[in-house]
C-alpha atoms as a PDB file:
ATOM      1  CA  MET A   1       5.249 123.132 -18.298  1.00  0.00           C
ATOM      2  CA  LYS A   2       5.024 119.357 -18.294  1.00  0.00           C
ATOM      3  CA  VAL A   3       8.316 117.572 -17.731  1.00  0.00           C
ATOM      4  CA  GLN A   4       8.594 114.189 -19.496  1.00  0.00           C
ATOM      5  CA  SER A   5       9.755 111.434 -17.185  1.00  0.00           C
ATOM      6  CA  LYS A   6      12.553 109.004 -18.057  1.00  0.00           C
ATOM      7  CA  ILE A   7      10.009 106.173 -18.071  1.00  0.00           C
ATOM      8  CA  ASP A   8       8.021 107.882 -20.837  1.00  0.00           C
ATOM      9  CA  SER A   9      11.153 108.023 -23.001  1.00  0.00           C
ATOM     10  CA  TYR A  10      11.268 104.225 -23.245  1.00  0.00           C
ATOM     11  CA  LEU A  11       9.163 102.241 -25.658  1.00  0.00           C
ATOM     12  CA  LYS A  12       6.425 100.539 -23.692  1.00  0.00           C
ATOM     13  CA  ARG A  13       6.278  96.761 -23.813  1.00  0.00           C
ATOM     14  CA  ASP A  14       3.273  95.268 -25.547  1.00  0.00           C
ATOM     15  CA  ARG A  15       2.013  92.661 -23.083  1.00  0.00           C
ATOM     16  CA  ALA A  16      -0.240  91.097 -25.726  1.00  0.00           C
ATOM     17  CA  TRP A  17       2.679  90.554 -28.099  1.00  0.00           C
ATOM     18  CA  HIS A  18       3.625  87.193 -26.582  1.00  0.00           C
ATOM     19  CA  PRO A  19       1.366  84.118 -26.313  1.00  0.00           C
ATOM     20  CA  LYS A  20      -0.064  82.769 -23.099  1.00  0.00           C
ATOM     21  CA  ALA A  21       2.102  80.268 -21.248  1.00  0.00           C
ATOM     22  CA  LEU A  22      -0.751  77.766 -21.411  1.00  0.00           C
ATOM     23  CA  SER A  23      -1.677  77.067 -25.048  1.00  0.00           C
ATOM     24  CA  PRO A  24      -3.344  73.615 -25.217  1.00  0.00           C
ATOM     25  CA  SER A  25      -2.794  73.209 -28.973  1.00  0.00           C
ATOM     26  CA  TYR A  26       0.917  73.202 -28.134  1.00  0.00           C
ATOM     27  CA  LYS A  27       0.839  70.095 -25.965  1.00  0.00           C
ATOM     28  CA  SER A  28       4.130  70.690 -24.118  1.00  0.00           C
ATOM     29  CA  SER A  29       2.814  73.985 -22.738  1.00  0.00           C
ATOM     30  CA  ILE A  30       0.355  72.040 -20.588  1.00  0.00           C
ATOM     31  CA  TYR A  31       3.266  70.608 -18.631  1.00  0.00           C
ATOM     32  CA  ARG A  32       5.592  73.593 -18.827  1.00  0.00           C
ATOM     33  CA  SER A  33       3.213  76.429 -17.972  1.00  0.00           C
ATOM     34  CA  PRO A  34       3.144  77.602 -14.326  1.00  0.00           C
ATOM     35  CA  GLN A  35       0.490  75.917 -12.198  1.00  0.00           C
ATOM     36  CA  SER A  36       1.097  78.062  -9.109  1.00  0.00           C
ATOM     37  CA  LYS A  37       1.917  81.679  -8.343  1.00  0.00           C
ATOM     38  CA  LEU A  38       5.419  82.595  -9.469  1.00  0.00           C
ATOM     39  CA  LEU A  39       8.139  83.250  -6.903  1.00  0.00           C
ATOM     40  CA  SER A  40      11.005  85.692  -7.329  1.00  0.00           C
ATOM     41  CA  PHE A  41      14.502  84.906  -6.035  1.00  0.00           C
ATOM     42  CA  PRO A  42      17.460  87.292  -6.035  1.00  0.00           C
ATOM     43  CA  ALA A  43      20.355  86.346  -8.302  1.00  0.00           C
ATOM     44  CA  THR A  44      23.727  85.507  -6.782  1.00  0.00           C
ATOM     45  CA  GLN A  45      26.812  87.622  -7.430  1.00  0.00           C
ATOM     46  CA  SER A  46      28.340  84.956  -9.678  1.00  0.00           C
ATOM     47  CA  GLU A  47      25.151  84.786 -11.758  1.00  0.00           C
ATOM     48  CA  GLU A  48      25.099  88.555 -12.250  1.00  0.00           C
ATOM     49  CA  THR A  49      28.804  89.055 -13.027  1.00  0.00           C
ATOM     50  CA  GLY A  50      29.914  86.064 -15.096  1.00  0.00           C
ATOM     51  CA  PRO A  51      30.894  84.631 -17.380  1.00  0.00           C
ATOM     52  CA  VAL A  52      32.532  87.201 -19.641  1.00  0.00           C
ATOM     53  CA  PHE A  53      33.163  85.957 -23.180  1.00  0.00           C
ATOM     54  CA  GLY A  54      36.242  86.968 -25.142  1.00  0.00           C
ATOM     55  CA  HIS A  55      37.177  86.700 -28.805  1.00  0.00           C
ATOM     56  CA  ASP A  56      39.963  84.263 -27.935  1.00  0.00           C
ATOM     57  CA  LEU A  57      37.285  81.679 -27.032  1.00  0.00           C
ATOM     58  CA  ILE A  58      35.853  81.587 -30.564  1.00  0.00           C
ATOM     59  CA  GLY A  59      37.513  79.252 -33.078  1.00  0.00           C
ATOM     60  CA  LYS A  60      37.966  80.098 -36.764  1.00  0.00           C
ATOM     61  CA  LEU A  61      35.267  77.640 -37.870  1.00  0.00           C
ATOM     62  CA  ASP A  62      32.869  78.007 -34.932  1.00  0.00           C
ATOM     63  CA  ASN A  63      30.404  79.988 -37.077  1.00  0.00           C
ATOM     64  CA  ASN A  64      30.809  77.667 -40.093  1.00  0.00           C
ATOM     65  CA  LEU A  65      28.557  74.654 -39.555  1.00  0.00           C
ATOM     66  CA  ILE A  66      29.339  73.374 -43.052  1.00  0.00           C
ATOM     67  CA  HIS A  67      32.915  72.559 -42.038  1.00  0.00           C
ATOM     68  CA  ASN A  68      33.307  72.808 -38.253  1.00  0.00           C
ATOM     69  CA  SER A  69      32.469  69.121 -37.702  1.00  0.00           C
ATOM     70  CA  ALA A  70      33.429  67.736 -41.112  1.00  0.00           C
ATOM     71  CA  LYS A  71      36.315  65.438 -41.902  1.00  0.00           C
ATOM     72  CA  GLN A  72      39.194  66.960 -43.831  1.00  0.00           C
ATOM     73  CA  GLY A  73      38.199  67.605 -47.424  1.00  0.00           C
ATOM     74  CA  GLN A  74      34.513  66.977 -46.750  1.00  0.00           C
ATOM     75  CA  SER A  75      31.510  69.148 -45.842  1.00  0.00           C
ATOM     76  CA  ALA A  76      27.960  68.950 -44.565  1.00  0.00           C
ATOM     77  CA  ILE A  77      25.271  67.715 -46.939  1.00  0.00           C
ATOM     78  CA  GLY A  78      22.465  70.031 -48.025  1.00  0.00           C
ATOM     79  CA  PRO A  79      21.707  73.403 -49.611  1.00  0.00           C
ATOM     80  CA  ARG A  80      24.194  75.939 -48.301  1.00  0.00           C
ATOM     81  CA  ILE A  81      22.894  79.114 -46.701  1.00  0.00           C
ATOM     82  CA  ILE A  82      24.183  82.162 -44.868  1.00  0.00           C
ATOM     83  CA  VAL A  83      22.235  83.389 -41.846  1.00  0.00           C
ATOM     84  CA  PHE A  84      23.152  86.911 -40.794  1.00  0.00           C
ATOM     85  CA  GLY A  85      21.786  89.991 -39.097  1.00  0.00           C
ATOM     86  CA  ARG A  86      22.204  92.380 -36.208  1.00  0.00           C
ATOM     87  CA  LEU A  87      21.611  92.150 -32.478  1.00  0.00           C
ATOM     88  CA  ILE A  88      19.934  95.432 -31.515  1.00  0.00           C
ATOM     89  CA  ASP A  89      17.763  97.057 -28.870  1.00  0.00           C
ATOM     90  CA  GLU A  90      14.402  98.781 -29.349  1.00  0.00           C
ATOM     91  CA  TYR A  91      16.076 101.906 -30.771  1.00  0.00           C
ATOM     92  CA  LYS A  92      18.148  99.885 -33.276  1.00  0.00           C
ATOM     93  CA  ARG A  93      21.307 100.504 -31.275  1.00  0.00           C
ATOM     94  CA  PRO A  94      23.856  97.701 -31.754  1.00  0.00           C
ATOM     95  CA  ILE A  95      24.726  95.276 -28.980  1.00  0.00           C
ATOM     96  CA  PRO A  96      28.387  94.312 -29.459  1.00  0.00           C
ATOM     97  CA  ASN A  97      30.460  91.434 -28.083  1.00  0.00           C
ATOM     98  CA  SER A  98      27.475  89.214 -27.311  1.00  0.00           C
ATOM     99  CA  LEU A  99      27.764  85.463 -27.712  1.00  0.00           C
ATOM    100  CA  ILE A 100      25.248  83.968 -30.139  1.00  0.00           C
ATOM    101  CA  GLU A 101      24.945  80.185 -30.316  1.00  0.00           C
ATOM    102  CA  ILE A 102      22.809  78.227 -32.777  1.00  0.00           C
ATOM    103  CA  TRP A 103      21.754  74.604 -33.134  1.00  0.00           C
ATOM    104  CA  GLN A 104      19.639  72.920 -35.791  1.00  0.00           C
ATOM    105  CA  ALA A 105      18.608  69.703 -37.515  1.00  0.00           C
ATOM    106  CA  ASN A 106      20.492  68.494 -40.579  1.00  0.00           C
ATOM    107  CA  SER A 107      19.151  68.762 -44.126  1.00  0.00           C
ATOM    108  CA  GLY A 108      17.016  65.663 -43.552  1.00  0.00           C
ATOM    109  CA  GLY A 109      15.403  67.100 -40.417  1.00  0.00           C
ATOM    110  CA  ARG A 110      17.362  65.023 -37.906  1.00  0.00           C
ATOM    111  CA  TYR A 111      19.315  66.212 -34.860  1.00  0.00           C
ATOM    112  CA  ARG A 112      22.512  64.564 -33.716  1.00  0.00           C
ATOM    113  CA  HIS A 113      21.122  63.626 -30.313  1.00  0.00           C
ATOM    114  CA  MET A 114      21.027  60.302 -28.479  1.00  0.00           C
ATOM    115  CA  ASN A 115      17.288  60.613 -27.880  1.00  0.00           C
ATOM    116  CA  GLU A 116      16.413  61.509 -31.468  1.00  0.00           C
ATOM    117  CA  THR A 117      13.626  59.241 -32.766  1.00  0.00           C
ATOM    118  CA  TYR A 118      13.170  60.525 -36.321  1.00  0.00           C
ATOM    119  CA  LEU A 119      14.402  57.946 -38.866  1.00  0.00           C
ATOM    120  CA  ALA A 120      16.016  60.399 -41.288  1.00  0.00           C
ATOM    121  CA  ALA A 121      19.704  59.758 -41.942  1.00  0.00           C
ATOM    122  CA  LEU A 122      22.465  61.339 -39.897  1.00  0.00           C
ATOM    123  CA  ASP A 123      25.119  63.410 -41.639  1.00  0.00           C
ATOM    124  CA  PRO A 124      28.564  62.347 -40.304  1.00  0.00           C
ATOM    125  CA  ASN A 125      29.986  65.740 -41.294  1.00  0.00           C
ATOM    126  CA  PHE A 126      27.396  67.878 -39.532  1.00  0.00           C
ATOM    127  CA  SER A 127      26.988  68.417 -35.791  1.00  0.00           C
ATOM    128  CA  GLY A 128      24.375  71.183 -36.098  1.00  0.00           C
ATOM    129  CA  CYS A 129      26.031  73.562 -33.603  1.00  0.00           C
ATOM    130  CA  GLY A 130      27.868  76.856 -33.973  1.00  0.00           C
ATOM    131  CA  ARG A 131      28.661  80.102 -32.190  1.00  0.00           C
ATOM    132  CA  THR A 132      30.005  83.587 -32.804  1.00  0.00           C
ATOM    133  CA  LEU A 133      30.376  86.994 -31.158  1.00  0.00           C
ATOM    134  CA  THR A 134      28.649  90.112 -32.452  1.00  0.00           C
ATOM    135  CA  ASP A 135      31.012  92.807 -33.726  1.00  0.00           C
ATOM    136  CA  GLU A 136      31.082  96.472 -32.695  1.00  0.00           C
ATOM    137  CA  ASN A 137      28.003  97.138 -34.852  1.00  0.00           C
ATOM    138  CA  GLY A 138      26.042  94.171 -33.510  1.00  0.00           C
ATOM    139  CA  ASN A 139      26.545  92.111 -36.663  1.00  0.00           C
ATOM    140  CA  TYR A 140      26.711  88.309 -36.696  1.00  0.00           C
ATOM    141  CA  GLU A 141      26.947  85.699 -39.445  1.00  0.00           C
ATOM    142  CA  PHE A 142      26.765  81.904 -39.796  1.00  0.00           C
ATOM    143  CA  SER A 143      27.446  79.604 -42.738  1.00  0.00           C
ATOM    144  CA  THR A 144      25.313  76.482 -42.542  1.00  0.00           C
ATOM    145  CA  ILE A 145      22.901  74.255 -44.479  1.00  0.00           C
ATOM    146  CA  MET A 146      19.133  74.542 -44.778  1.00  0.00           C
ATOM    147  CA  PRO A 147      17.600  72.414 -42.000  1.00  0.00           C
ATOM    148  CA  GLY A 148      14.832  70.019 -42.953  1.00  0.00           C
ATOM    149  CA  PRO A 149      11.349  69.885 -41.394  1.00  0.00           C
ATOM    150  CA  TYR A 150      10.546  66.965 -39.118  1.00  0.00           C
ATOM    151  CA  PRO A 151       7.533  65.279 -37.508  1.00  0.00           C
ATOM    152  CA  TRP A 152       6.936  65.612 -33.782  1.00  0.00           C
ATOM    153  CA  PRO A 153       4.463  63.890 -31.424  1.00  0.00           C
ATOM    154  CA  ASN A 154       2.346  66.930 -30.580  1.00  0.00           C
ATOM    155  CA  GLY A 155      -0.632  65.638 -32.557  1.00  0.00           C
ATOM    156  CA  PRO A 156      -1.397  62.827 -35.010  1.00  0.00           C
ATOM    157  CA  ASN A 157       0.347  64.574 -37.918  1.00  0.00           C
ATOM    158  CA  ASP A 158       2.234  67.668 -36.739  1.00  0.00           C
ATOM    159  CA  TRP A 159       5.445  68.818 -38.401  1.00  0.00           C
ATOM    160  CA  ARG A 160       7.913  71.488 -37.354  1.00  0.00           C
ATOM    161  CA  PRO A 161       8.829  73.938 -40.103  1.00  0.00           C
ATOM    162  CA  ALA A 162      12.512  74.285 -40.944  1.00  0.00           C
ATOM    163  CA  HIS A 163      14.078  76.375 -38.176  1.00  0.00           C
ATOM    164  CA  ILE A 164      17.292  77.294 -36.388  1.00  0.00           C
ATOM    165  CA  HIS A 165      17.493  77.738 -32.608  1.00  0.00           C
ATOM    166  CA  PHE A 166      19.274  80.837 -31.271  1.00  0.00           C
ATOM    167  CA  SER A 167      20.776  81.467 -27.849  1.00  0.00           C
ATOM    168  CA  ILE A 168      21.875  85.023 -27.013  1.00  0.00           C
ATOM    169  CA  PHE A 169      24.126  85.754 -24.024  1.00  0.00           C
ATOM    170  CA  GLY A 170      24.665  89.096 -22.317  1.00  0.00           C
ATOM    171  CA  ASP A 171      27.344  89.514 -19.682  1.00  0.00           C
ATOM    172  CA  ALA A 172      26.130  86.686 -17.450  1.00  0.00           C
ATOM    173  CA  PHE A 173      24.298  83.361 -17.479  1.00  0.00           C
ATOM    174  CA  THR A 174      21.169  85.069 -16.134  1.00  0.00           C
ATOM    175  CA  GLN A 175      21.086  87.213 -19.277  1.00  0.00           C
ATOM    176  CA  ARG A 176      20.614  84.293 -21.660  1.00  0.00           C
ATOM    177  CA  LEU A 177      17.677  84.437 -24.091  1.00  0.00           C
ATOM    178  CA  ILE A 178      16.514  81.632 -26.397  1.00  0.00           C
ATOM    179  CA  THR A 179      14.457  81.851 -29.571  1.00  0.00           C
ATOM    180  CA  GLN A 180      14.245  80.318 -33.056  1.00  0.00           C
ATOM    181  CA  MET A 181      14.176  81.479 -36.655  1.00  0.00           C
ATOM    182  CA  TYR A 182      11.921  80.230 -39.465  1.00  0.00           C
ATOM    183  CA  PHE A 183      12.449  80.719 -43.201  1.00  0.00           C
ATOM    184  CA  GLU A 184      10.466  82.997 -45.484  1.00  0.00           C
ATOM    185  CA  GLY A 185       7.965  81.158 -47.662  1.00  0.00           C
ATOM    186  CA  ASP A 186       7.844  77.894 -45.703  1.00  0.00           C
ATOM    187  CA  PRO A 187       4.206  76.620 -45.908  1.00  0.00           C
ATOM    188  CA  LEU A 188       4.629  74.688 -42.662  1.00  0.00           C
ATOM    189  CA  ILE A 189       5.008  77.877 -40.598  1.00  0.00           C
ATOM    190  CA  GLN A 190       1.271  78.555 -40.502  1.00  0.00           C
ATOM    191  CA  LYS A 191       0.526  74.907 -39.722  1.00  0.00           C
ATOM    192  CA  CYS A 192       2.853  74.688 -36.706  1.00  0.00           C
ATOM    193  CA  PRO A 193       1.050  74.497 -33.303  1.00  0.00           C
ATOM    194  CA  ILE A 194       3.898  76.451 -31.685  1.00  0.00           C
ATOM    195  CA  VAL A 195       3.629  79.298 -34.197  1.00  0.00           C
ATOM    196  CA  SER A 196      -0.161  79.307 -33.853  1.00  0.00           C
ATOM    197  CA  THR A 197       0.185  80.418 -30.221  1.00  0.00           C
ATOM    198  CA  LEU A 198       1.355  83.816 -31.509  1.00  0.00           C
ATOM    199  CA  LYS A 199      -1.582  86.193 -31.894  1.00  0.00           C
ATOM    200  CA  SER A 200      -0.102  88.536 -34.480  1.00  0.00           C
ATOM    201  CA  THR A 201       1.229  87.926 -37.979  1.00  0.00           C
ATOM    202  CA  ARG A 202       3.781  90.643 -37.214  1.00  0.00           C
ATOM    203  CA  ALA A 203       5.039  88.567 -34.306  1.00  0.00           C
ATOM    204  CA  VAL A 204       5.500  85.602 -36.648  1.00  0.00           C
ATOM    205  CA  GLU A 205       7.408  87.836 -39.055  1.00  0.00           C
ATOM    206  CA  ARG A 206       9.754  88.791 -36.213  1.00  0.00           C
ATOM    207  CA  LEU A 207      10.671  85.088 -36.014  1.00  0.00           C
ATOM    208  CA  THR A 208      11.268  84.783 -39.760  1.00  0.00           C
ATOM    209  CA  GLY A 209      14.516  85.036 -41.686  1.00  0.00           C
ATOM    210  CA  PHE A 210      13.950  86.781 -45.021  1.00  0.00           C
ATOM    211  CA  LEU A 211      15.751  85.935 -48.239  1.00  0.00           C
ATOM    212  CA  ASP A 212      18.367  88.576 -49.074  1.00  0.00           C
ATOM    213  CA  MET A 213      19.756  88.214 -52.589  1.00  0.00           C
ATOM    214  CA  THR A 214      22.322  90.991 -51.984  1.00  0.00           C
ATOM    215  CA  LYS A 215      24.118  88.721 -49.505  1.00  0.00           C
ATOM    216  CA  THR A 216      23.823  85.539 -51.595  1.00  0.00           C
ATOM    217  CA  VAL A 217      27.074  83.925 -52.780  1.00  0.00           C
ATOM    218  CA  PRO A 218      26.607  83.012 -56.484  1.00  0.00           C
ATOM    219  CA  MET A 219      26.805  79.283 -57.208  1.00  0.00           C
ATOM    220  CA  ASP A 220      27.213  78.591 -53.491  1.00  0.00           C
ATOM    221  CA  SER A 221      24.815  79.911 -50.830  1.00  0.00           C
ATOM    222  CA  LEU A 222      21.497  81.659 -50.443  1.00  0.00           C
ATOM    223  CA  ALA A 223      21.294  84.188 -47.601  1.00  0.00           C
ATOM    224  CA  TYR A 224      18.649  84.915 -44.980  1.00  0.00           C
ATOM    225  CA  LYS A 225      18.591  88.049 -42.822  1.00  0.00           C
ATOM    226  CA  PHE A 226      17.394  87.780 -39.223  1.00  0.00           C
ATOM    227  CA  ASP A 227      17.719  90.826 -36.956  1.00  0.00           C
ATOM    228  CA  ILE A 228      17.306  90.076 -33.250  1.00  0.00           C
ATOM    229  CA  VAL A 229      15.600  92.780 -31.158  1.00  0.00           C
ATOM    230  CA  ILE A 230      15.952  92.176 -27.444  1.00  0.00           C
ATOM    231  CA  ARG A 231      13.842  94.957 -25.945  1.00  0.00           C
ATOM    232  CA  GLY A 232      10.758  97.075 -26.543  1.00  0.00           C
ATOM    233  CA  ASN A 233       7.405  96.349 -28.138  1.00  0.00           C
ATOM    234  CA  GLN A 234       8.991  94.983 -31.316  1.00  0.00           C
ATOM    235  CA  GLN A 235      11.268  92.431 -29.681  1.00  0.00           C
ATOM    236  CA  ILE A 236      11.162  88.880 -30.954  1.00  0.00           C
ATOM    237  CA  PHE A 237       9.550  86.115 -28.910  1.00  0.00           C
ATOM    238  CA  PHE A 238      12.013  84.547 -26.475  1.00  0.00           C
ATOM    239  CA  GLU A 239      10.930  81.037 -25.467  1.00  0.00           C
ATOM    240  CA  ASN A 240      12.533  81.133 -22.030  1.00  0.00           C
ATOM    241  CA  LYS A 241      11.251  84.613 -21.158  1.00  0.00           C
ATOM    242  CA  PRO A 242       7.821  85.186 -22.702  1.00  0.00           C
ATOM    243  CA  GLU A 243       7.142  88.156 -20.436  1.00  0.00           C
ATOM    244  CA  GLY A 244       9.888  90.085 -22.255  1.00  0.00           C
ATOM    245  CA  SER A 245      13.592  90.711 -21.908  1.00  0.00           C
END
C-alpha cells in the first residue's frame, strides 16, 4: 500500500504564477532584478523572534484613514470606501493577530512624500497611512478614500491604476510581505506595465479588490473585498518575495 508523504499533502507552488524579476517593460525591474547568483544568509535570532505586536499598540483610529490624520471636525477629501477581507493560508485557514499596514495616494493621486513630483493637490487631512491587526478569524478592515491614479516616468505616458499598498507582518521582521490591491473595473489595470508582467489573468484577479454591496454603508461608503492568501499556488503576488512566501 502506498503511503502518502507529508510533502504531498501540501499544495504545490506554481512557479510560473509570478513574473520574472527582469521585465523590461517595467523599467525599474532592470535595476532591481538580480544581476548575479543569489546568496543565502542565515537570519539572526533577533530577526527570527521579534518584534511581537500586541493590540495595545493599535490606536482607535489607526485603521480609519478618513479621520486618523484629520483636524478636529474635518475629514479626508474623496469618495469614502471600506477595504476589508481575510488573511488566510492556502487551505483558507485564518491567520490571526497579524499586523497589516497600508499606504496610498490621496483622491487626487498624490502621496504625502517629500520627493513626490506629481502636481495634484495635497489633502491636509489625509496622511495615506493606516494599520490594524487581524482578529481570531483573520479578518481585517480599513476605512479610507478611493485613491486616484497618477502618472509615473516609466514610459512617455504611463499611469498607475488606483491602488493601495499592503504590508503583512508575521511574528518577526523577516516575515514581512508587501503587495498592492487594485480596484475592480479600473480600465488602467490592463494598461499598467507592472500588471502586464503577470502572465495570468487569474493572477491579476488575485491583486484586485472586488465591489461588495453587502458591506457598503448606504449614503456613506462603497466596500471592496480583498482576501490575502500567503501560501500555496493561489497566493497573491508579493513584490518583495516573488518566489513565494
